[in-house]
Amino acid sequence: MKQSDSFCILPWMHIATNSSGNYRYCCNSTPGKNFIHDENGKEYKIHRTPPEVVWNSPDYKKIRQQMLNGEKPKVCVRCWREEAIGVKSARQSYNDQYSNHIAEALSSTTPDGEAPLKGVYVDLRLGNLCNLKCRMCNPWASNQWVEEWNNLTSYDGSDIDQEERTRLTDMNWPRNPKLWEHLMTIIDSVEEIYLTGGEPTLALEQYKLFDKCIAMNKAKDIVLKYNTNLTNIPPKMVEYWKHFKKIKINASIDGFDELNRYIRFPTNWKSVHKNLSAFHEMEKEGKMRVQVHTTIQIYNVLDIHELFEYTTKFGYFPYLNILNHPDYLNVRVLPENLKQIAAKRLQPWIKHDKVEGLINYMMAEDWTKHNEKFVEYTEWLDKSRNQSLVDVAPLLKDVL
């Protein structure tokens, strides 16, 4: 079978959950529309249903069929949007990373989309426990957002009732022993486990996973990948890492110093610098790979060059993730004159990965129709958090 132009390897070798334990296609697919359902339309959850039951469910078979036929699933719009203007998408990156699995995926899939279960890459979100409340986030990914959320329901979602507030304040599903029982059924095929959250360094349940991998003599074959906000490096976790094949650190930083605090509130820059420096030293031992990951959005695109100047002193150029949701924080919301300034400031970095694509993406469409929402959202959060956008990004004054 020939590989189509819309083929993505993930539905053939990837198990992904969100912070509530829902199975989903991947973390780049459209939030809320990317869950895997049973024949009755009920959402599958990893602590209730093992991967072997979910793997060839109607949703999974359908998306495989679409990709084999060259169709572009709507739930993958983020990748299609980026590819349309020349930005390398997650789909393309994963196809490159796992190219050695593509031939087998194509040859082993039946005409109706059924494929053998292979959980090579596992994205595990152990709840929403976090110590930050980033402006582009929500209470389903950070419990720190719960108290503020109902005041923002005109922007995203609906009011959270008391039952949901209680659940989001203390998610208990990662403590369900069935979770670990289900994960261990695929452990023989696992090459990499991606831990994010919430803030994964705070998730105590990860140590259960580590203990099971070590006991089964599988840790030495598994790469652990983290998205971390650099506020916390537990010594206990670092000790456990020694048992695993490799550690990948994706350090989330969205601006230099006070801009990072503004976006990723209430980050302490001294802690970020201290912990990035610590990881940089650990990397020299040869078992760790460190990357800085930056979510490009309307708040930081005008001043992101300052972060570039900082991270390149460590030898890191950030991996740029263009924010897709919520749309009113997207870089395309900037007016044309500020887009031109942003593009000019990015120009000295044009040879670095994804910078040219970012400029092309930003310029491709005018989303100023979302400006009113951006202003209302920003002003409300500024008041709630005693912050000021103009203090950290003065050029955005004209947008407010």
Protein backbone atom coordinates (compact mmCIF):
# COMPACT_ATOMS: atom_id res chain seq x y z
CA MET A 1 0.00 0.00 0.00
CA LYS A 2 1.31 3.44 -0.95
CA GLN A 3 1.79 6.17 1.65
CA SER A 4 -0.68 9.01 1.00
CA ASP A 5 0.04 12.72 1.35
CA SER A 6 -2.13 12.92 4.47
CA PHE A 7 -0.68 9.86 6.20
CA CYS A 8 0.37 10.23 9.84
CA ILE A 9 2.09 7.38 11.67
CA LEU A 10 0.54 8.19 15.06
CA PRO A 11 -2.78 6.27 14.74
CA TRP A 12 -0.69 3.15 14.14
CA MET A 13 1.71 3.38 17.10
CA HIS A 14 0.57 6.04 19.55
CA ILE A 15 -1.51 5.96 22.73
CA ALA A 16 -2.50 9.40 24.01
CA THR A 17 -4.63 10.70 26.86
CA ASN A 18 -5.72 14.08 28.04
CA SER A 19 -5.51 15.17 31.68
CA SER A 20 -8.88 13.54 32.45
CA GLY A 21 -7.77 10.15 31.16
CA ASN A 22 -9.67 10.33 27.87
CA TYR A 23 -8.09 8.50 24.97
CA ARG A 24 -7.47 10.90 22.08
CA TYR A 25 -5.71 10.81 18.72
CA CYS A 26 -2.81 13.02 19.78
CA CYS A 27 -2.08 16.26 21.63
CA ASN A 28 -2.09 18.30 18.40
CA SER A 29 -5.58 17.26 17.32
CA THR A 30 -8.45 19.66 18.05
CA PRO A 31 -9.24 19.77 21.80
CA GLY A 32 -12.68 18.46 22.71
CA LYS A 33 -13.17 16.92 19.27
CA ASN A 34 -10.34 14.41 19.40
CA PHE A 35 -11.68 11.82 21.86
CA ILE A 36 -12.01 8.15 20.95
CA HIS A 37 -15.55 6.76 21.41
CA ASP A 38 -17.15 3.35 21.60
CA GLU A 39 -20.00 2.18 19.33
CA ASN A 40 -22.52 4.02 21.53
CA GLY A 41 -20.65 7.32 21.44
CA LYS A 42 -19.25 7.04 24.95
CA GLU A 43 -15.74 8.38 25.51
CA TYR A 44 -13.09 5.79 26.31
CA LYS A 45 -10.89 6.44 29.36
CA ILE A 46 -7.58 4.70 29.97
CA HIS A 47 -8.35 3.88 33.61
CA ARG A 48 -11.56 2.12 32.56
CA THR A 49 -10.77 0.46 29.24
CA PRO A 50 -7.53 -1.22 28.12
CA PRO A 51 -5.81 -0.15 24.88
CA GLU A 52 -6.62 -3.44 23.13
CA VAL A 53 -10.35 -2.60 23.26
CA VAL A 54 -9.90 0.97 22.05
CA TRP A 55 -7.34 0.37 19.32
CA ASN A 56 -9.70 -0.86 16.61
CA SER A 57 -12.77 1.09 17.67
CA PRO A 58 -14.81 2.83 14.93
CA ASP A 59 -13.09 6.20 15.49
CA TYR A 60 -9.59 4.77 15.15
CA LYS A 61 -10.45 2.69 12.09
CA LYS A 62 -12.10 5.68 10.43
CA ILE A 63 -9.13 8.02 10.87
CA ARG A 64 -6.74 5.35 9.55
CA GLN A 65 -8.95 4.86 6.51
CA GLN A 66 -9.04 8.60 5.88
CA MET A 67 -5.27 8.87 6.05
CA LEU A 68 -4.72 5.86 3.81
CA ASN A 69 -7.11 7.37 1.26
CA GLY A 70 -5.37 10.75 1.23
CA GLU A 71 -8.20 12.51 3.07
CA LYS A 72 -7.48 15.17 5.67
CA PRO A 73 -9.35 14.53 8.93
CA LYS A 74 -10.88 17.74 10.30
CA VAL A 75 -9.58 16.96 13.77
CA CYS A 76 -6.04 17.38 12.40
CA VAL A 77 -6.62 20.97 11.25
CA ARG A 78 -3.63 22.31 13.18
CA CYS A 79 -1.23 20.28 11.06
CA TRP A 80 -3.01 21.09 7.79
CA ARG A 81 -3.01 24.80 8.65
CA GLU A 82 0.73 24.81 9.36
CA GLU A 83 1.66 22.73 6.33
CA ALA A 84 -0.36 25.02 4.05
CA ILE A 85 2.09 27.86 4.62
CA GLY A 86 5.29 25.83 4.82
CA VAL A 87 5.63 25.23 8.57
CA LYS A 88 6.77 21.71 9.42
CA SER A 89 3.86 20.14 11.28
CA ALA A 90 3.74 17.59 14.06
CA ARG A 91 2.48 15.06 11.52
CA GLN A 92 5.56 15.54 9.35
CA SER A 93 7.90 15.50 12.34
CA TYR A 94 6.49 12.23 13.69
CA ASN A 95 6.60 10.65 10.25
CA ASP A 96 10.30 11.49 10.15
CA GLN A 97 10.97 10.33 13.71
CA TYR A 98 9.15 7.03 13.31
CA SER A 99 9.80 6.39 9.62
CA ASN A 100 11.00 2.88 10.47
CA HIS A 101 7.43 1.96 11.47
CA ILE A 102 5.66 3.22 8.34
CA ALA A 103 6.15 0.23 6.03
CA GLU A 104 4.81 -2.18 8.63
CA ALA A 105 1.85 0.09 9.36
CA LEU A 106 0.87 0.22 5.70
CA SER A 107 1.28 -3.49 5.09
CA SER A 108 -0.54 -4.66 8.22
CA THR A 109 -3.69 -2.53 7.94
CA THR A 110 -6.91 -4.05 6.62
CA PRO A 111 -9.14 -2.16 4.13
CA ASP A 112 -11.52 -1.13 6.94
CA GLY A 113 -8.70 0.47 8.98
CA GLU A 114 -8.01 -2.31 11.46
CA ALA A 115 -4.37 -2.50 12.58
CA PRO A 116 -2.37 -4.50 15.13
CA LEU A 117 -1.90 -2.82 18.51
CA LYS A 118 1.52 -1.20 18.96
CA GLY A 119 1.90 1.35 21.73
CA VAL A 120 5.35 2.55 20.71
CA TYR A 121 4.87 6.16 21.82
CA VAL A 122 2.69 6.87 24.87
CA ASP A 123 1.52 10.38 25.78
CA LEU A 124 0.37 10.16 29.40
CA ARG A 125 -1.16 13.16 31.15
CA LEU A 126 -1.48 12.28 34.82
CA GLY A 127 -4.08 14.85 35.75
CA ASN A 128 -4.11 18.64 35.86
CA LEU A 129 -2.03 19.25 38.99
CA CYS A 130 0.03 22.37 38.31
CA ASN A 131 1.63 25.33 40.05
CA LEU A 132 1.04 27.83 37.23
CA LYS A 133 -1.98 29.20 35.37
CA CYS A 134 -0.68 30.16 31.94
CA ARG A 135 -2.81 32.59 29.97
CA MET A 136 -3.41 30.15 27.09
CA CYS A 137 -4.33 27.32 29.46
CA ASN A 138 -7.56 26.17 31.15
CA PRO A 139 -8.71 24.28 34.28
CA TRP A 140 -8.66 20.93 32.49
CA ALA A 141 -4.90 21.26 32.11
CA SER A 142 -4.14 23.27 35.28
CA ASN A 143 -6.03 23.07 38.56
CA GLN A 144 -4.74 26.58 39.34
CA TRP A 145 -7.22 27.89 36.76
CA VAL A 146 -10.36 26.56 38.46
CA GLU A 147 -11.13 29.60 40.61
CA GLU A 148 -10.85 32.11 37.75
CA TRP A 149 -12.53 30.10 35.03
CA ASN A 150 -16.21 30.85 35.58
CA ASN A 151 -15.50 34.54 35.13
CA LEU A 152 -14.19 33.81 31.64
CA THR A 153 -16.95 31.59 30.27
CA SER A 154 -17.90 34.13 27.63
CA TYR A 155 -14.58 33.29 26.00
CA ASP A 156 -14.22 29.51 26.30
CA GLY A 157 -16.57 26.70 27.20
CA SER A 158 -19.32 27.01 29.78
CA ASP A 159 -19.67 27.45 33.50
CA ILE A 160 -18.09 24.74 35.63
CA ASP A 161 -20.64 23.33 38.05
CA GLN A 162 -19.70 22.41 41.60
CA GLU A 163 -19.23 18.73 40.79
CA GLU A 164 -16.82 19.53 37.97
CA ARG A 165 -15.00 22.10 40.11
CA THR A 166 -14.43 19.43 42.74
CA ARG A 167 -13.16 16.97 40.13
CA LEU A 168 -10.81 19.51 38.56
CA THR A 169 -9.46 20.61 41.93
CA ASP A 170 -8.30 17.09 42.76
CA MET A 171 -8.32 14.61 39.88
CA ASN A 172 -8.15 11.11 41.32
CA TRP A 173 -8.23 8.94 38.21
CA PRO A 174 -4.41 8.54 38.08
CA ARG A 175 -4.68 6.75 41.42
CA ASN A 176 -6.90 4.06 39.90
CA PRO A 177 -4.88 0.78 39.82
CA LYS A 178 -6.60 -0.15 36.54
CA LEU A 179 -4.58 2.60 34.83
CA TRP A 180 -1.30 0.83 35.53
CA GLU A 181 -2.78 -2.57 34.76
CA HIS A 182 -3.88 -1.32 31.34
CA LEU A 183 -0.58 0.40 30.59
CA MET A 184 1.43 -2.70 31.42
CA THR A 185 -0.41 -4.66 28.70
CA ILE A 186 1.48 -2.67 26.06
CA ILE A 187 4.77 -2.08 27.88
CA ASP A 188 6.69 -4.55 25.69
CA SER A 189 6.20 -2.32 22.62
CA VAL A 190 6.80 1.03 24.34
CA GLU A 191 9.86 2.99 23.22
CA GLU A 192 9.00 6.43 24.59
CA ILE A 193 6.69 7.81 27.29
CA TYR A 194 5.75 11.48 27.15
CA LEU A 195 4.80 12.95 30.54
CA THR A 196 3.16 16.33 30.71
CA GLY A 197 0.22 17.74 32.55
CA GLY A 198 -0.41 19.84 34.45
CA GLU A 199 3.17 20.02 35.61
CA PRO A 200 4.48 16.45 35.42
CA THR A 201 7.25 16.90 37.98
CA LEU A 202 4.48 17.32 40.60
CA ALA A 203 2.65 14.10 39.67
CA LEU A 204 3.44 11.54 42.36
CA GLU A 205 1.73 8.78 40.38
CA GLN A 206 4.63 8.71 37.91
CA TYR A 207 6.70 6.85 40.49
CA LYS A 208 4.28 3.92 40.27
CA LEU A 209 4.99 3.81 36.56
CA PHE A 210 8.73 3.96 37.16
CA ASP A 211 8.62 1.16 39.73
CA LYS A 212 6.66 -1.10 37.39
CA CYS A 213 9.01 -0.43 34.45
CA ILE A 214 12.04 -1.15 36.63
CA ALA A 215 10.50 -4.31 38.11
CA MET A 216 9.73 -5.63 34.62
CA ASN A 217 13.26 -4.79 33.45
CA LYS A 218 11.83 -2.45 30.79
CA ALA A 219 13.10 0.93 32.06
CA LYS A 220 16.46 0.51 30.34
CA ASP A 221 14.66 0.34 26.96
CA ILE A 222 12.37 3.33 27.47
CA VAL A 223 12.93 7.04 26.80
CA LEU A 224 11.10 9.45 29.13
CA LYS A 225 10.09 12.82 27.70
CA TYR A 226 8.85 15.71 29.84
CA ASN A 227 7.23 19.05 29.22
CA THR A 228 8.15 21.03 32.32
CA ASN A 229 7.76 24.66 33.36
CA LEU A 230 11.20 24.62 35.06
CA THR A 231 9.87 25.48 38.50
CA ASN A 232 10.58 22.13 40.10
CA ILE A 233 13.25 19.38 39.84
CA PRO A 234 12.57 16.74 42.53
CA PRO A 235 15.79 14.90 43.50
CA LYS A 236 13.76 11.68 43.81
CA MET A 237 12.73 11.95 40.17
CA VAL A 238 16.30 12.57 39.02
CA GLU A 239 17.39 9.39 40.83
CA TYR A 240 14.71 7.36 39.08
CA TRP A 241 15.80 8.72 35.71
CA LYS A 242 19.08 6.85 36.05
CA HIS A 243 17.21 3.60 35.36
CA PHE A 244 15.87 4.75 31.98
CA LYS A 245 17.43 4.72 28.53
CA LYS A 246 17.30 8.48 28.02
CA ILE A 247 15.58 11.58 29.36
CA LYS A 248 14.23 14.30 27.07
CA ILE A 249 13.42 17.64 28.67
CA ASN A 250 11.16 20.08 26.83
CA ALA A 251 11.57 23.24 28.90
CA SER A 252 8.54 25.48 28.47
CA ILE A 253 9.59 29.14 28.37
CA ASP A 254 7.45 31.71 26.55
CA GLY A 255 9.37 34.92 27.07
CA PHE A 256 12.36 36.48 28.74
CA ASP A 257 12.06 37.29 32.46
CA GLU A 258 8.94 39.35 33.23
CA LEU A 259 7.21 38.47 29.94
CA ASN A 260 7.48 34.80 30.85
CA ARG A 261 5.97 35.55 34.27
CA TYR A 262 3.16 37.50 32.62
CA ILE A 263 2.24 34.60 30.32
CA ARG A 264 3.11 31.70 32.62
CA PHE A 265 1.87 33.26 35.87
CA PRO A 266 3.26 33.25 38.55
CA THR A 267 6.59 31.90 37.30
CA ASN A 268 9.72 33.02 39.12
CA TRP A 269 12.44 33.80 36.56
CA LYS A 270 15.26 33.01 39.00
CA SER A 271 13.89 29.47 39.33
CA VAL A 272 13.58 29.11 35.57
CA HIS A 273 17.18 30.21 35.04
CA LYS A 274 18.48 28.04 37.90
CA ASN A 275 16.71 24.90 36.69
CA LEU A 276 17.53 25.39 33.01
CA SER A 277 21.17 25.75 34.08
CA ALA A 278 20.88 22.55 36.13
CA PHE A 279 19.44 20.60 33.20
CA HIS A 280 22.15 22.03 30.97
CA GLU A 281 24.77 20.55 33.30
CA MET A 282 22.97 17.18 33.46
CA GLU A 283 22.87 17.10 29.67
CA LYS A 284 26.67 17.08 29.57
CA GLU A 285 26.60 13.62 31.19
CA GLY A 286 25.24 12.27 27.91
CA LYS A 287 21.94 10.69 28.94
CA MET A 288 19.74 13.76 28.68
CA ARG A 289 18.54 15.90 25.77
CA VAL A 290 17.29 19.40 26.57
CA GLN A 291 15.17 21.61 24.32
CA VAL A 292 13.45 24.89 25.03
CA HIS A 293 9.85 24.86 23.80
CA THR A 294 8.08 28.14 23.20
CA THR A 295 4.40 28.70 22.45
CA ILE A 296 4.25 31.55 19.98
CA GLN A 297 1.21 33.77 20.54
CA ILE A 298 0.08 37.36 20.34
CA TYR A 299 1.57 38.12 23.76
CA ASN A 300 5.16 37.23 22.88
CA VAL A 301 5.77 37.32 19.13
CA LEU A 302 6.89 40.96 19.17
CA ASP A 303 9.52 40.38 21.88
CA ILE A 304 10.46 36.75 21.41
CA HIS A 305 13.87 37.72 20.05
CA GLU A 306 14.88 38.56 23.63
CA LEU A 307 14.25 34.94 24.62
CA PHE A 308 16.26 33.77 21.60
CA GLU A 309 19.20 35.86 22.77
CA TYR A 310 18.95 34.30 26.23
CA THR A 311 18.58 30.63 25.24
CA THR A 312 21.29 30.69 22.59
CA LYS A 313 23.78 31.43 25.36
CA PHE A 314 23.08 27.85 26.47
CA GLY A 315 23.32 26.60 22.90
CA TYR A 316 19.54 26.18 22.62
CA PHE A 317 17.26 27.70 20.01
CA PRO A 318 13.62 27.25 21.01
CA TYR A 319 11.35 24.79 19.26
CA LEU A 320 8.49 27.03 18.19
CA ASN A 321 4.93 25.84 18.74
CA ILE A 322 2.43 28.18 17.12
CA LEU A 323 -0.57 28.56 19.42
CA ASN A 324 -3.69 27.23 17.73
CA HIS A 325 -6.26 27.62 20.51
CA PRO A 326 -7.79 29.86 21.77
CA ASP A 327 -7.93 31.67 18.45
CA TYR A 328 -8.02 35.15 20.03
CA LEU A 329 -4.44 34.63 21.30
CA ASN A 330 -3.16 33.55 17.89
CA VAL A 331 -0.45 35.69 16.26
CA ARG A 332 -2.75 36.33 13.29
CA VAL A 333 -4.86 38.59 15.51
CA LEU A 334 -2.13 41.25 15.41
CA PRO A 335 -2.85 44.24 13.14
CA GLU A 336 -0.75 44.50 10.01
CA ASN A 337 1.59 47.22 11.29
CA LEU A 338 2.57 45.13 14.33
CA LYS A 339 2.96 42.02 12.20
CA GLN A 340 5.49 43.95 10.12
CA ILE A 341 7.43 44.92 13.25
CA ALA A 342 7.37 41.34 14.52
CA ALA A 343 8.59 40.04 11.16
CA LYS A 344 11.43 42.59 11.12
CA ARG A 345 12.53 41.56 14.62
CA LEU A 346 12.43 37.89 13.64
CA GLN A 347 14.45 38.43 10.46
CA PRO A 348 17.92 38.09 12.08
CA TRP A 349 16.87 34.59 13.22
CA ILE A 350 15.42 33.54 9.87
CA LYS A 351 17.86 30.66 9.36
CA HIS A 352 16.71 28.92 12.53
CA ASP A 353 14.11 26.17 12.35
CA LYS A 354 10.49 27.32 11.90
CA VAL A 355 11.19 31.08 12.07
CA GLU A 356 10.48 31.68 8.39
CA GLY A 357 7.44 29.44 8.67
CA LEU A 358 6.23 31.46 11.66
CA ILE A 359 6.47 34.69 9.67
CA ASN A 360 4.62 33.13 6.74
CA TYR A 361 1.94 31.76 9.05
CA MET A 362 1.45 35.09 10.79
CA MET A 363 1.15 36.99 7.51
CA ALA A 364 -1.08 34.47 5.74
CA GLU A 365 -4.42 35.55 7.25
CA ASP A 366 -6.01 38.52 9.01
CA TRP A 367 -7.72 37.49 12.24
CA THR A 368 -8.27 40.97 13.66
CA LYS A 369 -11.95 40.01 13.99
CA HIS A 370 -10.87 38.35 17.25
CA ASN A 371 -9.28 41.53 18.64
CA GLU A 372 -12.25 42.47 20.81
CA LYS A 373 -12.15 39.09 22.56
CA PHE A 374 -8.39 39.40 23.00
CA VAL A 375 -8.75 42.80 24.64
CA GLU A 376 -11.57 41.74 27.00
CA TYR A 377 -9.76 38.56 27.99
CA THR A 378 -6.46 40.34 28.57
CA GLU A 379 -7.92 43.21 30.55
CA TRP A 380 -9.90 40.87 32.80
CA LEU A 381 -6.88 38.68 33.56
CA ASP A 382 -4.67 41.73 34.10
CA LYS A 383 -7.13 43.00 36.70
CA SER A 384 -7.54 39.58 38.31
CA ARG A 385 -3.79 38.99 38.56
CA ASN A 386 -2.64 42.57 39.15
CA GLN A 387 -0.62 42.54 35.94
CA SER A 388 -0.22 44.89 33.00
CA LEU A 389 0.38 43.79 29.42
CA VAL A 390 1.81 47.18 28.51
CA ASP A 391 4.52 46.81 31.16
CA VAL A 392 5.92 43.66 29.52
CA ALA A 393 4.95 44.18 25.86
CA PRO A 394 4.70 47.95 25.28
CA LEU A 395 4.04 47.69 21.55
CA LEU A 396 0.73 45.97 22.23
CA LYS A 397 -0.58 49.18 23.81
CA ASP A 398 -2.17 50.18 20.50
CA VAL A 399 -4.12 46.92 20.37
CA LEU A 400 -5.76 47.44 23.76
